[in-house]
Protein backbone atom coordinates (compact mmCIF):
# COMPACT_ATOMS: atom_id res chain seq x y z
CA MET A 1 -2.86 -6.10 15.83
CA LYS A 2 -1.58 -4.57 12.57
CA LYS A 3 -2.81 -0.39 12.16
CA ARG A 4 -5.18 0.00 9.26
CA ASN A 5 -3.40 1.86 6.52
CA PRO A 6 -5.06 5.64 6.16
CA SER A 7 -7.69 5.47 3.02
CA LEU A 8 -6.66 7.73 0.04
CA LEU A 9 -9.43 10.08 0.79
CA GLY A 10 -8.46 10.70 4.24
CA ILE A 11 -5.20 11.53 3.28
CA VAL A 12 -6.29 13.73 0.27
CA ALA A 13 -9.42 15.36 2.53
CA LEU A 14 -6.63 15.79 5.65
CA ARG A 15 -3.40 17.38 2.76
CA ILE A 16 -6.14 19.71 1.57
CA PHE A 17 -7.29 20.98 5.10
CA ALA A 18 -3.91 21.78 5.84
CA PHE A 19 -3.14 23.80 2.76
CA SER A 20 -6.04 25.42 2.40
CA LEU A 21 -6.10 26.46 6.34
CA LEU A 22 -1.98 27.58 5.83
CA ALA A 23 -3.22 29.82 2.71
CA MET A 24 -6.13 31.22 4.57
CA VAL A 25 -3.65 32.09 7.59
CA LEU A 26 -0.99 33.32 5.25
CA GLN A 27 -4.27 35.72 3.32
CA ILE A 28 -5.37 37.15 6.35
CA GLY A 29 -1.64 37.77 7.04
CA VAL A 30 -1.51 39.64 3.76
CA VAL A 31 -4.65 41.38 4.66
CA PHE A 32 -3.95 42.40 8.14
CA ALA A 33 -0.37 43.81 7.18
CA ASP A 34 -2.17 45.56 4.10
CA TYR A 35 -4.69 47.55 6.13
CA TRP A 36 -2.04 47.89 9.10
CA PHE A 37 0.48 49.48 7.66
CA ASP A 38 -2.04 51.68 5.63
CA ASP A 39 -3.67 54.56 8.09
CA TYR A 40 -5.14 56.08 5.28
CA LYS A 41 -7.38 53.16 4.11
CA LEU A 42 -8.23 51.35 7.59
CA SER A 43 -9.04 55.11 8.87
CA ILE A 44 -11.56 54.96 6.14
CA LEU A 45 -12.60 51.54 6.63
CA MET A 46 -13.42 52.29 10.13
CA LEU A 47 -15.67 55.72 9.59
CA GLN A 48 -17.27 53.63 7.15
CA GLN A 49 -18.64 51.00 9.45
CA GLU A 50 -18.96 52.71 11.90
CA THR A 51 -21.62 55.55 10.80
CA GLU A 52 -23.33 53.23 9.17
CA THR A 53 -23.49 51.53 12.39
CA LEU A 54 -25.05 54.91 13.66
CA SER A 55 -27.17 55.21 10.57
CA ARG A 56 -29.25 52.40 12.01
CA ALA A 57 -30.92 54.96 14.58
CA ILE A 58 -32.57 57.04 12.10
CA THR A 59 -36.13 56.63 11.97
CA ARG A 60 -39.24 58.72 10.69
CA HIS A 61 -41.63 59.62 13.05
CA GLU A 62 -45.19 61.43 11.71
CA GLY A 63 -43.40 62.16 9.07
CA ARG A 64 -40.41 63.74 10.20
CA LEU A 65 -37.03 62.14 10.50
CA THR A 66 -35.65 61.59 13.98
CA TYR A 67 -32.46 59.88 15.53
CA THR A 68 -33.03 57.74 18.71
CA PRO A 69 -29.86 55.75 19.72
CA ASP A 70 -30.55 52.63 21.57
CA GLU A 71 -28.44 51.70 25.05
CA GLU A 72 -26.30 49.71 22.92
CA LEU A 73 -25.51 52.86 20.79
CA ARG A 74 -25.26 55.14 23.61
CA GLN A 75 -22.61 52.61 25.49
CA ARG A 76 -20.61 52.41 22.07
CA TYR A 77 -20.20 55.66 20.97
CA LEU A 78 -21.63 58.24 23.64
CA ASP A 79 -20.51 56.93 26.93
CA HIS A 80 -16.79 57.59 26.60
CA ASP A 81 -15.25 60.84 27.32
CA GLY A 82 -11.92 61.77 29.55
CA ASN A 83 -8.22 60.56 29.58
CA GLY A 84 -7.49 62.09 26.65
CA ALA A 85 -10.11 59.90 24.57
CA ALA A 86 -13.39 60.79 23.40
CA ILE A 87 -16.39 59.83 20.95
CA TYR A 88 -18.22 62.57 19.39
CA VAL A 89 -21.64 62.15 17.19
CA ARG A 90 -23.78 64.38 15.56
CA VAL A 91 -26.58 63.66 12.95
CA ARG A 92 -28.11 66.43 10.58
CA THR A 93 -30.45 66.94 7.44
CA ALA A 94 -29.00 68.27 4.20
CA SER A 95 -30.57 71.86 5.66
CA GLY A 96 -28.33 72.04 8.77
CA SER A 97 -31.36 70.69 10.98
CA VAL A 98 -29.25 68.67 13.44
CA LEU A 99 -31.12 65.80 14.55
CA PHE A 100 -28.81 64.50 17.49
CA SER A 101 -25.58 65.80 19.07
CA ASN A 102 -23.69 64.83 21.93
CA CYS A 103 -20.70 67.87 21.18
CA THR A 104 -20.91 71.94 21.49
CA THR A 105 -17.81 73.14 20.69
CA GLU A 106 -16.04 70.03 20.07
CA CYS A 107 -18.89 69.88 16.77
CA ALA A 108 -17.45 73.07 15.54
CA GLU A 109 -13.88 71.97 15.87
CA HIS A 110 -14.41 68.77 14.16
CA PHE A 111 -17.33 68.83 12.30
CA LEU A 112 -18.10 70.37 8.79
CA PRO A 113 -19.85 73.77 9.22
CA LEU A 114 -23.90 72.76 9.29
CA SER A 115 -24.07 75.19 5.93
CA VAL A 116 -21.75 73.36 3.97
CA ASP A 117 -23.78 71.10 1.70
CA VAL A 118 -24.11 67.13 2.53
CA PRO A 119 -21.45 65.29 1.24
CA SER A 120 -21.53 61.63 0.37
CA PHE A 121 -18.09 60.79 2.54
CA TRP A 122 -15.67 62.75 4.30
CA LYS A 123 -13.06 62.35 6.47
CA ARG A 124 -9.85 64.36 7.54
CA VAL A 125 -6.79 63.49 10.54
CA ILE A 126 -7.18 64.84 13.75
CA GLU A 127 -3.99 63.50 14.63
CA PRO A 128 -1.55 61.20 12.58
CA GLY A 129 -0.52 57.59 14.12
CA LYS A 130 -2.40 55.07 16.02
CA PRO A 131 -4.33 54.94 18.01
CA PHE A 132 -6.28 56.88 15.53
CA SER A 133 -7.57 60.46 15.72
CA VAL A 134 -9.82 61.51 12.64
CA ALA A 135 -13.09 62.73 12.29
CA GLY A 136 -15.31 62.13 8.96
CA GLY A 137 -18.82 61.51 8.24
CA GLN A 138 -21.25 59.65 5.67
CA SER A 139 -24.91 60.82 4.17
CA PHE A 140 -27.65 58.01 3.98
CA ASP A 141 -31.24 58.52 1.88
CA HIS A 142 -34.29 58.05 3.80
CA GLY A 143 -37.08 58.38 1.91
CA GLY A 144 -35.23 60.72 -0.24
CA VAL A 145 -34.00 63.14 2.17
CA PRO A 146 -29.95 63.16 2.87
CA VAL A 147 -28.77 62.56 6.52
CA LEU A 148 -25.46 63.20 7.07
CA VAL A 149 -23.93 61.02 10.19
CA GLU A 150 -20.53 62.63 11.73
CA LEU A 151 -18.24 60.58 14.35
CA ALA A 152 -14.79 62.00 15.42
CA ILE A 153 -12.72 59.43 17.31
CA ILE A 154 -9.93 61.11 19.16
CA ASN A 155 -7.47 58.29 20.14
CA ASP A 156 -9.76 55.17 19.49
CA PRO A 157 -11.35 54.65 22.99
CA ASN A 158 -13.48 51.55 21.98
CA GLY A 159 -10.80 49.93 19.86
CA PHE A 160 -13.15 50.50 16.33
CA MET A 161 -9.73 49.93 14.29
CA TYR A 162 -9.40 47.05 15.66
CA SER A 163 -13.44 46.23 15.21
CA ALA A 164 -12.80 47.32 11.46
CA LEU A 165 -10.19 45.19 10.66
CA LEU A 166 -11.39 42.22 11.95
CA HIS A 167 -14.35 42.78 10.41
CA GLU A 168 -12.78 43.69 7.31
CA MET A 169 -10.91 40.19 6.94
CA ILE A 170 -14.12 38.14 7.71
CA ASP A 171 -16.26 39.17 5.15
CA SER A 172 -13.86 39.86 2.57
CA MET A 173 -11.22 36.75 3.93
CA ILE A 174 -12.74 34.14 6.24
CA VAL A 175 -16.13 33.60 4.79
CA PRO A 176 -15.24 33.42 1.21
CA MET A 177 -12.25 30.86 1.91
CA THR A 178 -13.80 29.11 4.49
CA LEU A 179 -16.87 28.40 0.77
CA MET A 180 -14.36 27.97 -1.41
CA PHE A 181 -12.51 25.45 1.30
CA CYS A 182 -16.24 23.82 1.79
CA LEU A 183 -16.80 23.17 -2.06
CA VAL A 184 -12.80 22.38 -2.82
CA ILE A 185 -13.25 18.99 0.09
CA GLY A 186 -16.85 18.42 -1.77
CA ALA A 187 -15.39 18.37 -5.63
CA THR A 188 -12.11 16.86 -4.34
CA ILE A 189 -13.74 13.84 -2.17
CA TRP A 190 -16.68 13.46 -5.50
CA SER A 191 -13.75 13.61 -7.92
CA ILE A 192 -11.32 10.56 -6.30
CA ARG A 193 -14.66 8.64 -5.27
CA SER A 194 -15.28 8.67 -9.14
CA ALA A 195 -11.66 7.94 -9.97
CA LEU A 196 -11.82 4.99 -7.33
CA LYS A 197 -15.13 3.37 -8.56
CA PRO A 198 -12.98 1.49 -11.38
CA VAL A 199 -10.61 0.54 -8.43
CA ALA A 200 -13.23 -0.60 -6.22
CA ALA A 201 -14.73 -3.02 -9.61
CA THR A 202 -10.90 -4.35 -9.97
CA VAL A 203 -10.82 -5.72 -6.12
CA ARG A 204 -14.44 -7.26 -6.33
CA ALA A 205 -12.79 -8.80 -9.55
CA ALA A 206 -9.73 -9.82 -8.04
CA ASP A 207 -11.93 -11.68 -5.09
CA ALA A 208 -13.45 -13.33 -7.57
CA ILE A 209 -10.88 -14.50 -9.46
CA ASP A 210 -10.84 -18.46 -10.06
CA PRO A 211 -7.16 -19.56 -9.24
CA ARG A 212 -7.90 -22.88 -11.49
CA ASP A 213 -8.23 -20.06 -14.43
CA SER A 214 -4.87 -19.37 -15.59
CA GLY A 215 -6.78 -16.53 -18.00
CA ALA A 216 -8.30 -14.63 -15.61
CA ARG A 217 -7.14 -10.57 -15.42
CA LEU A 218 -7.77 -7.68 -13.90
CA PRO A 219 -10.19 -5.08 -15.81
CA VAL A 220 -8.40 -1.84 -16.28
CA THR A 221 -10.99 0.38 -18.66
CA ARG A 222 -11.66 3.65 -16.98
CA MET A 223 -8.84 3.05 -14.77
CA PRO A 224 -6.32 6.47 -13.85
CA GLN A 225 -3.44 5.99 -15.25
CA GLU A 226 -1.38 5.76 -12.51
CA ILE A 227 -3.31 3.21 -11.00
CA GLU A 228 -3.71 1.41 -14.72
CA ARG A 229 0.10 1.25 -14.63
CA LEU A 230 -0.30 -0.93 -11.01
CA VAL A 231 -2.98 -3.02 -12.22
CA SER A 232 -1.28 -3.60 -15.81
CA ALA A 233 2.00 -4.97 -13.71
CA VAL A 234 -0.40 -7.68 -11.45
CA ASN A 235 -1.94 -8.81 -14.91
CA ARG A 236 1.78 -9.62 -16.27
CA LEU A 237 2.49 -11.14 -12.59
CA LEU A 238 -1.12 -13.44 -12.89
CA ALA A 239 0.09 -14.40 -15.92
CA ARG A 240 3.76 -15.80 -15.01
CA LEU A 241 2.33 -17.07 -12.01
CA GLY A 242 -0.52 -18.77 -14.36
CA ASP A 243 2.48 -20.28 -16.25
CA LEU A 244 4.47 -21.48 -13.32
CA ILE A 245 1.27 -23.01 -11.21
CA GLN A 246 0.67 -25.08 -15.00
CA SER A 247 3.73 -26.09 -15.37
CA GLN A 248 3.14 -27.40 -11.77
CA LYS A 249 -0.01 -29.21 -12.01
CA VAL A 250 1.40 -31.06 -15.57
CA PHE A 251 4.65 -31.48 -13.78
CA SER A 252 2.75 -33.29 -10.91
CA ALA A 253 0.05 -34.97 -13.44
CA SER A 254 3.04 -36.48 -15.44
CA ILE A 255 5.07 -37.96 -12.85
CA ALA A 256 2.50 -39.39 -10.81
CA HIS A 257 1.80 -41.33 -13.98
CA GLU A 258 4.79 -42.28 -15.12
CA ILE A 259 5.95 -44.07 -12.28
CA ARG A 260 2.99 -46.54 -12.34
CA THR A 261 4.81 -48.37 -15.38
CA PRO A 262 7.95 -49.22 -13.65
CA VAL A 263 6.29 -50.13 -10.55
CA ALA A 264 3.66 -52.55 -12.55
CA ILE A 265 7.18 -53.83 -14.12
CA ALA A 266 8.57 -54.23 -10.74
CA LYS A 267 5.61 -56.34 -9.29
CA MET A 268 5.34 -58.52 -12.45
CA GLU A 269 8.79 -59.29 -11.73
CA LEU A 270 8.40 -60.52 -8.03
CA SER A 271 5.24 -62.32 -8.72
CA ARG A 272 7.92 -64.54 -10.45
CA ILE A 273 9.77 -64.92 -7.25
CA ALA A 274 8.62 -67.56 -5.11
CA ASP A 275 10.18 -66.14 -1.76
CA PRO A 276 8.00 -64.90 1.36
CA ARG A 277 10.53 -61.53 1.06
CA ALA A 278 9.12 -60.97 -2.54
CA ARG A 279 5.65 -60.94 -1.29
CA ASN A 280 6.51 -58.56 1.16
CA ALA A 281 7.76 -56.24 -1.47
CA GLU A 282 4.77 -56.62 -3.36
CA ARG A 283 2.47 -55.72 -0.64
CA ASP A 284 4.95 -52.64 -0.28
CA LEU A 285 4.43 -52.20 -4.09
CA ASP A 286 0.87 -52.25 -3.38
CA ALA A 287 0.74 -49.00 -1.02
CA LEU A 288 2.89 -47.70 -3.33
CA THR A 289 0.54 -47.84 -6.28
CA HIS A 290 -2.19 -46.34 -3.88
CA ILE A 291 -0.20 -43.54 -2.79
CA LEU A 292 0.75 -42.82 -6.78
CA GLU A 293 -3.03 -43.16 -7.39
CA GLN A 294 -3.78 -40.47 -4.59
CA LEU A 295 -1.20 -38.02 -6.18
CA THR A 296 -2.60 -38.28 -9.14
CA SER A 297 -6.22 -37.46 -8.34
CA LEU A 298 -4.48 -34.75 -6.14
CA ALA A 299 -3.02 -33.59 -9.49
CA ARG A 300 -6.14 -33.82 -11.60
CA ALA A 301 -8.41 -31.93 -9.17
CA ASP A 302 -5.71 -29.11 -9.36
CA ALA A 303 -5.33 -28.91 -13.08
CA ILE A 304 -9.10 -28.96 -14.14
CA ASP A 305 -10.57 -27.04 -16.80
CA PRO A 306 -13.36 -24.57 -15.15
CA SER A 307 -15.64 -26.10 -18.47
CA ALA A 308 -15.59 -29.40 -17.23
CA PHE A 309 -18.22 -28.97 -14.91
CA GLN A 310 -21.54 -30.43 -15.99
CA GLN A 311 -24.82 -31.07 -15.11
CA ALA A 312 -24.82 -34.95 -13.46
CA SER A 313 -27.50 -37.24 -10.80
CA LEU A 314 -25.55 -37.52 -7.71
CA SER A 315 -28.16 -40.31 -7.48
CA GLY A 316 -26.49 -41.81 -10.69
CA LEU A 317 -22.89 -41.57 -9.38
CA GLY A 318 -23.51 -43.21 -5.94
CA ALA A 319 -24.96 -45.83 -7.41
CA GLU A 320 -22.42 -46.51 -10.31
CA ILE A 321 -19.41 -46.29 -7.56
CA ALA A 322 -21.40 -48.15 -5.01
CA GLU A 323 -21.54 -51.23 -7.89
CA ALA A 324 -17.99 -50.43 -9.17
CA THR A 325 -16.35 -51.03 -5.45
CA ALA A 326 -18.72 -53.68 -4.23
CA PRO A 327 -16.15 -56.64 -5.45
CA PHE A 328 -13.34 -55.04 -3.37
CA VAL A 329 -15.42 -54.37 -0.36
CA PHE A 330 -16.42 -57.80 -0.32
CA ASP A 331 -13.18 -59.04 -1.03
CA GLN A 332 -11.99 -57.16 2.37
CA GLY A 333 -14.55 -58.78 4.67
CA LYS A 334 -16.96 -55.98 4.81
CA SER A 335 -20.72 -55.29 3.18
CA ILE A 336 -21.69 -52.39 0.82
CA GLU A 337 -25.47 -50.97 0.50
CA PHE A 338 -26.80 -48.19 -1.96
CA ILE A 339 -29.83 -46.11 -0.92
CA ASP A 340 -31.43 -42.97 -3.27
CA HIS A 341 -33.71 -40.68 -1.48
CA GLY A 342 -33.78 -38.76 -4.55
CA THR A 343 -31.46 -35.88 -5.57
CA ALA A 344 -31.97 -33.29 -8.18
CA PRO A 345 -29.56 -32.12 -10.86
CA VAL A 346 -26.21 -30.26 -9.53
CA THR A 347 -23.19 -28.50 -11.52
CA ILE A 348 -20.40 -31.05 -10.81
CA ILE A 349 -17.05 -32.79 -12.56
CA PRO A 350 -18.26 -36.39 -12.63
CA GLY A 351 -15.37 -37.84 -12.36
CA LEU A 352 -13.70 -36.22 -9.38
CA VAL A 353 -17.46 -36.37 -7.64
CA GLU A 354 -16.71 -40.32 -8.31
CA ASN A 355 -12.88 -40.14 -7.16
CA MET A 356 -14.18 -38.44 -4.03
CA LEU A 357 -16.54 -41.10 -3.13
CA ARG A 358 -14.52 -43.99 -4.47
CA ASN A 359 -11.73 -42.46 -1.24
CA LEU A 360 -14.15 -42.33 1.01
CA ILE A 361 -15.39 -45.79 0.48
CA GLU A 362 -12.07 -47.19 0.11
CA ASN A 363 -11.34 -45.28 3.63
CA ALA A 364 -14.24 -47.17 5.37
CA VAL A 365 -12.81 -50.72 4.39
CA LYS A 366 -9.38 -49.94 4.84
CA HIS A 367 -9.68 -48.82 8.71
CA ASN A 368 -12.31 -50.68 9.91
CA PRO A 369 -12.33 -54.61 10.94
CA PRO A 370 -13.92 -57.20 8.88
CA GLY A 371 -17.62 -57.15 9.21
CA THR A 372 -18.33 -53.65 8.92
CA ALA A 373 -21.57 -52.64 6.83
CA ILE A 374 -20.82 -49.31 4.50
CA VAL A 375 -23.90 -47.53 3.63
CA VAL A 376 -23.99 -45.15 0.13
CA ALA A 377 -26.81 -42.98 0.43
CA CYS A 378 -27.61 -39.99 -1.79
CA GLY A 379 -30.52 -37.27 -1.01
CA PRO A 380 -32.35 -36.03 0.24
CA GLY A 381 -31.31 -33.07 -1.63
CA PRO A 382 -28.05 -32.49 -3.04
CA GLN A 383 -26.05 -34.39 -0.60
CA VAL A 384 -24.23 -37.81 -0.81
CA THR A 385 -23.37 -39.52 2.71
CA ILE A 386 -21.02 -42.63 3.01
CA GLU A 387 -21.47 -44.27 6.73
CA ASP A 388 -19.80 -47.67 8.10
CA ASN A 389 -20.56 -48.77 11.74
CA GLY A 390 -16.94 -49.73 12.20
CA GLY A 391 -14.94 -48.40 14.71
CA GLY A 392 -14.98 -44.32 14.28
CA ILE A 393 -11.70 -42.24 13.51
CA VAL A 394 -9.76 -42.21 16.32
CA ASP A 395 -7.50 -39.51 15.67
CA LEU A 396 -9.56 -36.55 13.51
CA PRO A 397 -8.68 -33.45 14.19
CA GLU A 398 -10.35 -31.15 15.65
CA HIS A 399 -10.87 -28.12 13.35
CA SER A 400 -12.07 -28.86 10.02
CA GLU A 401 -9.84 -26.68 8.11
CA GLU A 402 -7.14 -29.18 9.32
CA LEU A 403 -9.03 -32.32 7.56
CA GLY A 404 -7.35 -34.28 5.54
CA TYR A 405 -3.89 -33.76 7.11
CA VAL A 406 -1.48 -37.02 7.10
CA LYS A 407 -1.33 -38.38 10.09
CA ARG A 408 1.09 -39.87 12.22
CA SER A 409 -1.24 -43.37 12.40
CA GLY A 410 -1.44 -43.41 8.94
CA GLN A 411 -5.05 -44.00 9.28
CA VAL A 412 -6.25 -40.83 7.39
CA GLY A 413 -3.95 -40.95 5.00
CA LEU A 414 -4.46 -39.22 1.38
CA GLY A 415 -7.76 -39.99 1.06
CA LEU A 416 -9.43 -37.07 2.73
CA LYS A 417 -7.22 -34.71 1.99
CA ILE A 418 -8.47 -35.65 -1.93
CA VAL A 419 -11.99 -35.41 -0.86
CA ARG A 420 -11.55 -32.13 0.92
CA ARG A 421 -9.63 -30.71 -2.06
CA ILE A 422 -12.33 -31.91 -4.61
CA ALA A 423 -15.37 -30.63 -2.22
CA GLU A 424 -13.46 -26.69 -2.30
CA LEU A 425 -13.55 -27.13 -6.13
CA HIS A 426 -17.30 -27.65 -5.80
CA GLU A 427 -18.04 -25.34 -2.98
CA ALA A 428 -19.07 -28.08 -1.05
CA LYS A 429 -19.41 -28.91 2.94
CA ILE A 430 -17.98 -31.60 4.30
CA ALA A 431 -19.59 -32.97 7.74
CA ILE A 432 -17.56 -35.62 9.64
CA ASP A 433 -19.77 -37.39 12.84
CA THR A 434 -17.52 -40.29 13.85
CA ALA A 435 -17.01 -41.92 17.65
CA ARG A 436 -14.89 -44.66 18.70
CA HIS A 437 -16.87 -47.98 18.11
CA ARG A 438 -19.88 -46.23 16.55
CA GLY A 439 -18.35 -45.65 13.39
CA THR A 440 -18.27 -42.65 10.72
CA LYS A 441 -20.39 -40.45 9.39
CA VAL A 442 -18.97 -38.32 6.48
CA THR A 443 -22.16 -36.12 4.48
CA ILE A 444 -21.30 -33.49 1.89
CA SER A 445 -23.57 -31.12 0.88
CA PHE A 446 -23.32 -29.77 -2.58
CA ALA A 447 -24.82 -26.35 -3.32
CA ALA A 448 -28.52 -26.41 -4.69
CA GLN A 449 -28.81 -24.91 -8.20
């Protein structure tokens, strides 16, 4: 099974996703490097985030400020001490009142004196390098009262540095870039769909092109320039193909018509010769004339003008054909009958439909024994039926798409090929019911108006 080509939307969306992901990774790498190699900036970021987390335990109870850390805060900040790593926390008011502390001499060593006014933020390095050993504090306003949360981190036992780095990348990079990525993908898909709407219209126009219309072209209005050049090239190709097909139609019609004259002259000369071989030659020329007439019919069917379609009565055409072919039918020892069940007007090319019915009647005459009764019935509805009670078509193909192929036995010939071609031009359906010794029934159903 042939693999389907990927859609343009899929290609563009996949590439945008890939390049956006690459840009995201590169930008995250840049941000990571910017903070990782700048201890000053990263330590400030760490202290600000951690003191803000600690400040969530500050509450006011009965008009007084209290600090009550929950179990999560205790596990994160207060339960780590030893092995050269420690975390010290002190929370105090601007007046120097301590709300919470987990240190004694360490607080005096690492934090600001209680007599110092509360700053908005302060920080100092205890020991340079990583993991961080820093101390600092940040003030928070609670009901108009500034509260200073101070934090000293020795050798960063909880990996606060990595947490601050990850938090910064998520807040500053991943979330904004994800939103931008979604907007870009959405805008791109919308833009491509809008740009391809004229292309979809062109596809529908291409499917609707009538091959008989040599002037049919694909629309290029509101088309993107890149696709417009392709459609214009296709239109030029259609123009060249139209000229070629038209010349072939004219050639087929002309050659079939021009051969008639020399054949007629040859038959006239043979009629003057009193010899059995001359009679055989005349029969061969009659067969050749019949084939030429069928080729002319095919050429006419291929060279029609769409403007030739007009409304006509199937009942009237059926009656005329039955009357016109009656002498030929009777001369061959068969009978013909016309029945009208009533039909509505249909849009057809009368000359071609007459040719189609004539071919079906001639087939019924030529391929059945004397005494065969042929019935031409019109209706009910937009349909015509040619039925006989002869021997049936013994080598009719099983599949309808093969109808009209020239058979080795010569029974079907070109007649059914012409019938099928004319039916295709009229978008009519052909149904053939045949069986040995039970005759043949051919029904042609036209589209209702």
